[in-house]
Amino acid sequence: MVASVNRSSLVVIVGAALWALSAVLSGVSAQAPAGRTVWDGVYTEEQAKRGSELYTKACASCHSESLTGLESAPPLTGEQFNGNWSGTTLGELAERIRISMPADMPGSLSRPQLGDLLAHLLKVDGFPAGTTPLDPQAVALAQIRFESVRPAPR
């Protein structure tokens, strides 16, 4: 009987620990990332220039030179684009681009190219440049919120 009580207690303790851990982890992932938004100058002009050159080579044939979209390729600027991505993170946008673009060679963009391309999209959409380059790593991009409307000053 003592062994079964100890086993039962162990099951309850492990179950409670797993429940607590999952609650903590789900709370962390469900919270909007703290910190910066696309309005905080998260890319440099130099990145946007490189991104523009890359966009012309790899994206413009489907999305148009002006990023307004062509036929089945959606716009990458303007109200529709901003509305679709507002409330997400640059990490989510980057991942969509990384795994699906360019259409004829999905997954072929390097992380630095992805950062440059995002900088170009942000510049065209009117988000301000800053002095620090956009870090193209997934963890860093996940900390930058895409907000189509400039947040009120803090």
N, C-alpha and C. Protein backbone atom coordinates (compact mmCIF):
# COMPACT_ATOMS: atom_id res chain seq x y z
N MET A 1 0.82 -1.19 0.00
CA MET A 1 0.00 0.00 0.00
C MET A 1 0.87 1.26 0.00
N VAL A 2 1.96 1.26 0.75
CA VAL A 2 2.84 2.41 0.82
C VAL A 2 3.44 2.70 -0.56
N ALA A 3 3.82 1.65 -1.30
CA ALA A 3 4.39 1.84 -2.63
C ALA A 3 3.37 2.46 -3.58
N SER A 4 2.11 2.04 -3.50
CA SER A 4 1.09 2.60 -4.40
C SER A 4 0.78 4.05 -4.06
N VAL A 5 0.84 4.42 -2.80
CA VAL A 5 0.63 5.81 -2.41
C VAL A 5 1.78 6.67 -2.94
N ASN A 6 2.99 6.17 -2.82
CA ASN A 6 4.13 6.92 -3.33
C ASN A 6 4.06 7.08 -4.84
N ARG A 7 3.65 6.01 -5.53
CA ARG A 7 3.51 6.08 -6.97
C ARG A 7 2.40 7.07 -7.35
N SER A 8 1.31 7.01 -6.65
CA SER A 8 0.19 7.92 -6.91
C SER A 8 0.60 9.36 -6.65
N SER A 9 1.31 9.57 -5.59
CA SER A 9 1.79 10.92 -5.28
C SER A 9 2.73 11.42 -6.36
N LEU A 10 3.58 10.55 -6.81
CA LEU A 10 4.53 10.90 -7.86
C LEU A 10 3.80 11.29 -9.14
N VAL A 11 2.77 10.52 -9.50
CA VAL A 11 1.98 10.83 -10.69
C VAL A 11 1.32 12.19 -10.55
N VAL A 12 0.76 12.49 -9.39
CA VAL A 12 0.11 13.78 -9.16
C VAL A 12 1.13 14.91 -9.24
N ILE A 13 2.28 14.73 -8.63
CA ILE A 13 3.32 15.77 -8.64
C ILE A 13 3.82 16.02 -10.06
N VAL A 14 4.12 14.94 -10.79
CA VAL A 14 4.60 15.09 -12.18
C VAL A 14 3.52 15.74 -13.04
N GLY A 15 2.28 15.30 -12.87
CA GLY A 15 1.18 15.89 -13.64
C GLY A 15 1.01 17.37 -13.36
N ALA A 16 1.09 17.74 -12.08
CA ALA A 16 0.98 19.16 -11.71
C ALA A 16 2.14 19.96 -12.27
N ALA A 17 3.33 19.40 -12.24
CA ALA A 17 4.50 20.10 -12.78
C ALA A 17 4.38 20.31 -14.29
N LEU A 18 3.92 19.28 -14.99
CA LEU A 18 3.73 19.41 -16.43
C LEU A 18 2.66 20.44 -16.76
N TRP A 19 1.57 20.44 -15.99
CA TRP A 19 0.51 21.42 -16.21
C TRP A 19 1.04 22.83 -16.00
N ALA A 20 1.79 23.03 -14.92
CA ALA A 20 2.34 24.35 -14.63
C ALA A 20 3.31 24.80 -15.72
N LEU A 21 4.15 23.89 -16.17
CA LEU A 21 5.10 24.21 -17.23
C LEU A 21 4.38 24.59 -18.52
N SER A 22 3.34 23.83 -18.87
CA SER A 22 2.61 24.16 -20.10
C SER A 22 1.88 25.49 -19.96
N ALA A 23 1.38 25.80 -18.77
CA ALA A 23 0.72 27.09 -18.56
C ALA A 23 1.70 28.24 -18.73
N VAL A 24 2.90 28.08 -18.18
CA VAL A 24 3.92 29.11 -18.31
C VAL A 24 4.32 29.28 -19.77
N LEU A 25 4.60 28.17 -20.45
CA LEU A 25 5.03 28.24 -21.85
C LEU A 25 3.95 28.79 -22.75
N SER A 26 2.71 28.41 -22.56
CA SER A 26 1.64 28.93 -23.42
C SER A 26 1.42 30.40 -23.14
N GLY A 27 1.60 30.83 -21.91
CA GLY A 27 1.47 32.25 -21.59
C GLY A 27 2.54 33.07 -22.26
N VAL A 28 3.75 32.53 -22.33
CA VAL A 28 4.85 33.24 -22.97
C VAL A 28 4.59 33.36 -24.46
N SER A 29 4.19 32.29 -25.11
CA SER A 29 4.02 32.34 -26.56
C SER A 29 2.77 33.11 -26.95
N ALA A 30 1.77 33.18 -26.08
CA ALA A 30 0.54 33.87 -26.43
C ALA A 30 0.65 35.38 -26.26
N GLN A 31 1.62 35.84 -25.48
CA GLN A 31 1.77 37.26 -25.27
C GLN A 31 2.38 37.90 -26.51
N ALA A 32 1.93 39.10 -26.81
CA ALA A 32 2.57 39.84 -27.89
C ALA A 32 3.99 40.17 -27.46
N PRO A 33 4.94 40.09 -28.37
CA PRO A 33 6.31 40.38 -27.98
C PRO A 33 6.42 41.82 -27.49
N ALA A 34 7.17 41.98 -26.44
CA ALA A 34 7.39 43.32 -25.91
C ALA A 34 8.41 44.02 -26.78
N GLY A 35 8.45 45.32 -26.68
CA GLY A 35 9.53 46.02 -27.35
C GLY A 35 9.15 46.75 -28.60
N ARG A 36 9.91 46.51 -29.65
CA ARG A 36 9.87 47.35 -30.83
C ARG A 36 8.75 47.02 -31.80
N THR A 37 8.43 48.01 -32.61
CA THR A 37 7.52 47.83 -33.74
C THR A 37 8.25 48.30 -35.00
N VAL A 38 7.62 48.11 -36.13
CA VAL A 38 8.20 48.55 -37.40
C VAL A 38 8.33 50.07 -37.48
N TRP A 39 7.72 50.78 -36.55
CA TRP A 39 7.81 52.24 -36.50
C TRP A 39 9.06 52.73 -35.77
N ASP A 40 9.85 51.81 -35.22
CA ASP A 40 11.00 52.18 -34.40
C ASP A 40 12.32 52.22 -35.15
N GLY A 41 12.29 52.31 -36.48
CA GLY A 41 13.54 52.38 -37.24
C GLY A 41 14.35 51.11 -37.11
N VAL A 42 13.77 50.00 -37.53
CA VAL A 42 14.39 48.68 -37.30
C VAL A 42 15.30 48.21 -38.43
N TYR A 43 15.49 49.01 -39.45
CA TYR A 43 16.35 48.65 -40.58
C TYR A 43 17.16 49.88 -40.98
N THR A 44 18.14 49.70 -41.85
CA THR A 44 18.93 50.84 -42.33
C THR A 44 18.61 51.11 -43.81
N GLU A 45 18.93 52.31 -44.23
CA GLU A 45 18.76 52.68 -45.64
C GLU A 45 19.61 51.78 -46.54
N GLU A 46 20.81 51.42 -46.07
CA GLU A 46 21.68 50.55 -46.85
C GLU A 46 21.04 49.19 -47.08
N GLN A 47 20.41 48.65 -46.04
CA GLN A 47 19.70 47.37 -46.19
C GLN A 47 18.57 47.51 -47.20
N ALA A 48 17.82 48.58 -47.10
CA ALA A 48 16.68 48.78 -48.01
C ALA A 48 17.16 48.89 -49.46
N LYS A 49 18.32 49.52 -49.66
CA LYS A 49 18.87 49.64 -51.02
C LYS A 49 19.23 48.25 -51.57
N ARG A 50 19.91 47.45 -50.75
CA ARG A 50 20.24 46.08 -51.19
C ARG A 50 18.95 45.29 -51.43
N GLY A 51 17.98 45.48 -50.56
CA GLY A 51 16.70 44.79 -50.71
C GLY A 51 15.97 45.19 -51.98
N SER A 52 16.08 46.46 -52.37
CA SER A 52 15.46 46.92 -53.60
C SER A 52 16.06 46.22 -54.82
N GLU A 53 17.38 46.09 -54.81
CA GLU A 53 18.06 45.41 -55.91
C GLU A 53 17.64 43.94 -55.97
N LEU A 54 17.57 43.29 -54.82
CA LEU A 54 17.14 41.90 -54.76
C LEU A 54 15.68 41.76 -55.19
N TYR A 55 14.84 42.68 -54.74
CA TYR A 55 13.42 42.64 -55.11
C TYR A 55 13.27 42.70 -56.63
N THR A 56 14.02 43.60 -57.27
CA THR A 56 13.94 43.74 -58.72
C THR A 56 14.29 42.42 -59.42
N LYS A 57 15.30 41.73 -58.92
CA LYS A 57 15.75 40.48 -59.53
C LYS A 57 14.83 39.30 -59.22
N ALA A 58 14.35 39.20 -57.97
CA ALA A 58 13.68 37.98 -57.54
C ALA A 58 12.17 38.08 -57.36
N CYS A 59 11.63 39.30 -57.28
CA CYS A 59 10.22 39.44 -56.89
C CYS A 59 9.35 40.25 -57.85
N ALA A 60 9.96 41.24 -58.51
CA ALA A 60 9.18 42.20 -59.29
C ALA A 60 8.43 41.57 -60.45
N SER A 61 8.94 40.49 -61.00
CA SER A 61 8.25 39.88 -62.15
C SER A 61 6.86 39.37 -61.76
N CYS A 62 6.65 39.04 -60.50
CA CYS A 62 5.33 38.59 -60.04
C CYS A 62 4.57 39.67 -59.27
N HIS A 63 5.29 40.43 -58.44
CA HIS A 63 4.62 41.39 -57.55
C HIS A 63 4.65 42.81 -58.10
N SER A 64 5.25 43.06 -59.23
CA SER A 64 5.41 44.33 -59.93
C SER A 64 6.51 45.18 -59.31
N GLU A 65 7.06 46.04 -60.13
CA GLU A 65 8.13 46.94 -59.67
C GLU A 65 7.65 47.80 -58.51
N SER A 66 6.37 48.17 -58.52
CA SER A 66 5.83 49.05 -57.49
C SER A 66 5.27 48.30 -56.28
N LEU A 67 5.45 46.98 -56.24
CA LEU A 67 5.00 46.11 -55.15
C LEU A 67 3.48 46.02 -55.04
N THR A 68 2.77 46.42 -56.06
CA THR A 68 1.30 46.46 -56.00
C THR A 68 0.65 45.14 -56.41
N GLY A 69 1.46 44.16 -56.77
CA GLY A 69 0.92 42.85 -57.14
C GLY A 69 0.54 42.76 -58.60
N LEU A 70 0.59 41.55 -59.13
CA LEU A 70 0.19 41.27 -60.50
C LEU A 70 -0.57 39.95 -60.52
N GLU A 71 -1.67 39.91 -61.20
CA GLU A 71 -2.48 38.70 -61.35
C GLU A 71 -2.64 37.96 -60.03
N SER A 72 -2.00 36.81 -59.88
CA SER A 72 -2.21 36.02 -58.66
C SER A 72 -1.24 36.37 -57.53
N ALA A 73 -0.29 37.24 -57.77
CA ALA A 73 0.66 37.64 -56.73
C ALA A 73 0.10 38.83 -55.97
N PRO A 74 -0.03 38.73 -54.66
CA PRO A 74 -0.64 39.82 -53.88
C PRO A 74 0.28 41.04 -53.78
N PRO A 75 -0.30 42.18 -53.44
CA PRO A 75 0.51 43.38 -53.22
C PRO A 75 1.38 43.21 -51.98
N LEU A 76 2.53 43.87 -52.01
CA LEU A 76 3.45 43.85 -50.87
C LEU A 76 3.58 45.24 -50.27
N THR A 77 2.60 46.07 -50.55
CA THR A 77 2.54 47.43 -50.02
C THR A 77 1.08 47.85 -49.98
N GLY A 78 0.83 48.88 -49.23
CA GLY A 78 -0.51 49.45 -49.21
C GLY A 78 -1.44 48.87 -48.16
N GLU A 79 -2.67 49.32 -48.24
CA GLU A 79 -3.67 49.00 -47.23
C GLU A 79 -3.93 47.51 -47.06
N GLN A 80 -4.07 46.79 -48.17
CA GLN A 80 -4.34 45.35 -48.08
C GLN A 80 -3.18 44.61 -47.42
N PHE A 81 -1.96 44.89 -47.87
CA PHE A 81 -0.79 44.24 -47.30
C PHE A 81 -0.65 44.57 -45.81
N ASN A 82 -0.72 45.85 -45.49
CA ASN A 82 -0.57 46.26 -44.10
C ASN A 82 -1.68 45.68 -43.23
N GLY A 83 -2.90 45.64 -43.74
CA GLY A 83 -4.00 45.06 -42.98
C GLY A 83 -3.81 43.58 -42.74
N ASN A 84 -3.29 42.87 -43.72
CA ASN A 84 -3.05 41.43 -43.57
C ASN A 84 -2.00 41.12 -42.52
N TRP A 85 -0.99 41.97 -42.40
CA TRP A 85 0.14 41.67 -41.51
C TRP A 85 0.09 42.42 -40.19
N SER A 86 -0.75 43.43 -40.08
CA SER A 86 -0.82 44.20 -38.84
C SER A 86 -1.20 43.30 -37.67
N GLY A 87 -0.47 43.45 -36.58
CA GLY A 87 -0.72 42.63 -35.39
C GLY A 87 0.12 41.37 -35.33
N THR A 88 0.89 41.12 -36.37
CA THR A 88 1.79 39.96 -36.38
C THR A 88 3.20 40.45 -36.07
N THR A 89 4.18 39.63 -36.36
CA THR A 89 5.57 40.05 -36.18
C THR A 89 6.31 39.97 -37.51
N LEU A 90 7.43 40.64 -37.56
CA LEU A 90 8.27 40.51 -38.75
C LEU A 90 8.75 39.08 -38.91
N GLY A 91 8.83 38.36 -37.80
CA GLY A 91 9.20 36.95 -37.87
C GLY A 91 8.21 36.13 -38.68
N GLU A 92 6.92 36.41 -38.49
CA GLU A 92 5.90 35.68 -39.24
C GLU A 92 5.95 36.03 -40.72
N LEU A 93 6.11 37.31 -41.03
CA LEU A 93 6.23 37.72 -42.43
C LEU A 93 7.49 37.12 -43.05
N ALA A 94 8.59 37.17 -42.34
CA ALA A 94 9.85 36.62 -42.86
C ALA A 94 9.73 35.13 -43.14
N GLU A 95 9.07 34.41 -42.24
CA GLU A 95 8.93 32.97 -42.43
C GLU A 95 8.08 32.66 -43.66
N ARG A 96 7.02 33.42 -43.87
CA ARG A 96 6.18 33.23 -45.06
C ARG A 96 7.01 33.42 -46.32
N ILE A 97 7.80 34.48 -46.34
CA ILE A 97 8.65 34.75 -47.50
C ILE A 97 9.71 33.65 -47.63
N ARG A 98 10.33 33.29 -46.53
CA ARG A 98 11.43 32.32 -46.56
C ARG A 98 11.01 30.97 -47.14
N ILE A 99 9.85 30.49 -46.76
CA ILE A 99 9.45 29.15 -47.19
C ILE A 99 8.73 29.11 -48.53
N SER A 100 8.25 30.27 -49.01
CA SER A 100 7.43 30.22 -50.22
C SER A 100 7.92 31.09 -51.38
N MET A 101 8.94 31.88 -51.16
CA MET A 101 9.39 32.80 -52.21
C MET A 101 10.89 32.64 -52.46
N PRO A 102 11.32 33.04 -53.64
CA PRO A 102 10.51 33.35 -54.81
C PRO A 102 9.75 32.11 -55.31
N ALA A 103 8.67 32.35 -56.00
CA ALA A 103 7.78 31.25 -56.40
C ALA A 103 8.49 30.17 -57.20
N ASP A 104 9.49 30.57 -58.00
CA ASP A 104 10.19 29.58 -58.82
C ASP A 104 11.36 28.90 -58.09
N MET A 105 11.69 29.38 -56.88
CA MET A 105 12.77 28.79 -56.09
C MET A 105 12.52 29.01 -54.60
N PRO A 106 11.41 28.49 -54.07
CA PRO A 106 11.10 28.71 -52.65
C PRO A 106 12.24 28.26 -51.75
N GLY A 107 12.47 29.03 -50.70
CA GLY A 107 13.50 28.67 -49.73
C GLY A 107 14.92 29.01 -50.16
N SER A 108 15.08 29.70 -51.27
CA SER A 108 16.43 29.97 -51.77
C SER A 108 17.06 31.25 -51.22
N LEU A 109 16.29 32.07 -50.53
CA LEU A 109 16.85 33.31 -49.99
C LEU A 109 17.65 33.02 -48.72
N SER A 110 18.81 33.63 -48.62
CA SER A 110 19.62 33.51 -47.40
C SER A 110 19.02 34.42 -46.33
N ARG A 111 19.40 34.22 -45.09
CA ARG A 111 18.92 35.09 -44.00
C ARG A 111 19.30 36.55 -44.25
N PRO A 112 20.54 36.87 -44.64
CA PRO A 112 20.86 38.27 -44.92
C PRO A 112 20.01 38.85 -46.06
N GLN A 113 19.76 38.06 -47.11
CA GLN A 113 18.90 38.54 -48.19
C GLN A 113 17.48 38.79 -47.68
N LEU A 114 17.00 37.92 -46.83
CA LEU A 114 15.67 38.09 -46.25
C LEU A 114 15.58 39.39 -45.46
N GLY A 115 16.61 39.69 -44.68
CA GLY A 115 16.65 40.95 -43.93
C GLY A 115 16.63 42.15 -44.85
N ASP A 116 17.41 42.09 -45.93
CA ASP A 116 17.44 43.19 -46.90
C ASP A 116 16.08 43.36 -47.58
N LEU A 117 15.47 42.26 -47.94
CA LEU A 117 14.16 42.31 -48.61
C LEU A 117 13.10 42.90 -47.67
N LEU A 118 13.11 42.47 -46.42
CA LEU A 118 12.16 43.04 -45.44
C LEU A 118 12.40 44.54 -45.29
N ALA A 119 13.66 44.96 -45.26
CA ALA A 119 13.97 46.39 -45.15
C ALA A 119 13.38 47.15 -46.33
N HIS A 120 13.49 46.60 -47.52
CA HIS A 120 12.92 47.25 -48.70
C HIS A 120 11.40 47.36 -48.59
N LEU A 121 10.74 46.28 -48.17
CA LEU A 121 9.29 46.32 -48.01
C LEU A 121 8.89 47.37 -46.98
N LEU A 122 9.61 47.43 -45.88
CA LEU A 122 9.29 48.42 -44.84
C LEU A 122 9.48 49.84 -45.36
N LYS A 123 10.55 50.06 -46.11
CA LYS A 123 10.80 51.41 -46.65
C LYS A 123 9.69 51.81 -47.61
N VAL A 124 9.33 50.94 -48.53
CA VAL A 124 8.28 51.26 -49.50
C VAL A 124 6.95 51.52 -48.80
N ASP A 125 6.70 50.82 -47.71
CA ASP A 125 5.46 51.01 -46.96
C ASP A 125 5.49 52.22 -46.04
N GLY A 126 6.60 52.95 -46.03
CA GLY A 126 6.66 54.20 -45.29
C GLY A 126 7.10 54.08 -43.84
N PHE A 127 7.63 52.94 -43.45
CA PHE A 127 8.13 52.79 -42.09
C PHE A 127 9.54 53.38 -42.04
N PRO A 128 9.88 54.09 -40.97
CA PRO A 128 11.17 54.80 -40.93
C PRO A 128 12.38 53.88 -40.81
N ALA A 129 13.47 54.34 -41.40
CA ALA A 129 14.75 53.65 -41.26
C ALA A 129 15.40 54.10 -39.96
N GLY A 130 16.36 53.31 -39.52
CA GLY A 130 17.11 53.64 -38.31
C GLY A 130 18.59 53.55 -38.57
N THR A 131 19.36 53.39 -37.52
CA THR A 131 20.81 53.34 -37.65
C THR A 131 21.38 51.95 -37.45
N THR A 132 20.56 51.01 -36.99
CA THR A 132 21.01 49.65 -36.74
C THR A 132 20.37 48.72 -37.76
N PRO A 133 21.16 47.88 -38.42
CA PRO A 133 20.58 46.96 -39.41
C PRO A 133 19.58 46.00 -38.78
N LEU A 134 18.60 45.62 -39.56
CA LEU A 134 17.61 44.63 -39.16
C LEU A 134 18.32 43.28 -39.05
N ASP A 135 18.23 42.67 -37.89
CA ASP A 135 18.81 41.35 -37.66
C ASP A 135 17.88 40.32 -38.31
N PRO A 136 18.35 39.57 -39.32
CA PRO A 136 17.47 38.67 -40.04
C PRO A 136 17.21 37.32 -39.37
N GLN A 137 17.74 37.12 -38.17
CA GLN A 137 17.52 35.85 -37.48
C GLN A 137 16.09 35.78 -36.95
N ALA A 138 15.52 34.58 -36.99
CA ALA A 138 14.12 34.39 -36.63
C ALA A 138 13.79 34.90 -35.23
N VAL A 139 14.66 34.66 -34.28
CA VAL A 139 14.40 35.08 -32.90
C VAL A 139 14.30 36.61 -32.82
N ALA A 140 15.18 37.30 -33.49
CA ALA A 140 15.16 38.77 -33.48
C ALA A 140 13.93 39.32 -34.18
N LEU A 141 13.59 38.75 -35.33
CA LEU A 141 12.43 39.22 -36.10
C LEU A 141 11.13 38.99 -35.34
N ALA A 142 11.08 37.94 -34.54
CA ALA A 142 9.88 37.63 -33.77
C ALA A 142 9.62 38.66 -32.67
N GLN A 143 10.60 39.49 -32.37
CA GLN A 143 10.45 40.51 -31.34
C GLN A 143 10.00 41.86 -31.88
N ILE A 144 9.78 41.94 -33.19
CA ILE A 144 9.39 43.21 -33.81
C ILE A 144 7.96 43.07 -34.33
N ARG A 145 7.06 43.84 -33.75
CA ARG A 145 5.65 43.79 -34.15
C ARG A 145 5.42 44.60 -35.43
N PHE A 146 4.63 44.03 -36.31
CA PHE A 146 4.20 44.74 -37.53
C PHE A 146 2.89 45.43 -37.17
N GLU A 147 2.93 46.73 -37.04
CA GLU A 147 1.74 47.53 -36.74
C GLU A 147 1.55 48.51 -37.89
N SER A 148 0.40 48.43 -38.56
CA SER A 148 0.19 49.29 -39.72
C SER A 148 -0.06 50.75 -39.31
N VAL A 149 -0.51 50.96 -38.09
CA VAL A 149 -0.75 52.31 -37.59
C VAL A 149 0.29 52.60 -36.52
N ARG A 150 0.86 53.79 -36.61
CA ARG A 150 1.90 54.17 -35.64
C ARG A 150 1.30 54.17 -34.23
N PRO A 151 1.93 53.43 -33.31
CA PRO A 151 1.44 53.42 -31.93
C PRO A 151 1.60 54.79 -31.27
N ALA A 152 0.78 55.06 -30.29
CA ALA A 152 0.91 56.30 -29.53
C ALA A 152 2.25 56.32 -28.80
N PRO A 153 2.83 57.49 -28.62
CA PRO A 153 4.10 57.56 -27.88
C PRO A 153 3.97 56.95 -26.49
N ARG A 154 5.05 56.33 -26.04
CA ARG A 154 5.04 55.68 -24.73
C ARG A 154 5.39 56.64 -23.64
